[in-house]
């Protein structure tokens, strides 16, 4: 019987799949707890960035890097859906696994025009090719070791092509907890933190009702400038942002007990 991992429930749900013969992956959360993941769990515990495409004749083509995001194609697996990211449109597809086979449904998504015609053509190629995937394999590793290589996912296609994708842990895997959505208002001007002497962000939490109407605002507090991972403050710009907040369990005394990951800008550049 598979061990139940309560703090990774949503990420690691296996839905009764048969065990793969591929090796398991060991990961360490920010709290120092070591977790062993099956291949199916590993698939959901990482974001998968395309490294290259190996053609049927054995030649390799580097991953296309989006001119908009400056990032390669990324796949994120969850709840029997895969998100196809870092292109022009937001796209997704259903997927099903067996021990070796993988089946993707037809890709669906938004239909906005891309400013880069080459990116739009590449996006169309991705949407056409993904449903032709036939099987998958995973090269896993002990991610608890310093400088360990990232796990590599390989997707095989009907035309003989292969995609090689490198795994980057999701925030849920990194922190070992589930996210809570939190809206933060960022004051336009920074203030000096008394303890560190750094220019810190002036931040307060914002609460909305089901209709998107603001119902309350918390007290202003100071955040270290790097306290919201992925967010870069522009001095003089007033913003409300959406973040994912994670509990850091068993945090050392005197250190942060919560981590924030930037999600999106909700409002900017005006009195908020």
Foldseek 3Di string as FASTA:
>chain_A
DDDDQVQCNFQQDDPPADAAPAAWEWAAAPLGDIDIHGPSSQLQQWKWFWQWKQAQVRDIDGFDQEPVPRGGWIWHDGPQKIWTDRAFWTKIWGWDDHRWFIATDQIDTDDDDDPDPVSVVVVVVCRVFPRQWTTKGKHHDHNVDPPIAFIWIWTAGPNNMITIIGTDGDVSRHQSHFWDKWKKKWDQAFDQDPVPRDGWTWIWTWDADPVRHTDDIGDTDTDHQPQAPPDHHDHRKIFMFIWIKGARPPDPPPDDRIGIYTDGTDDMDDDD
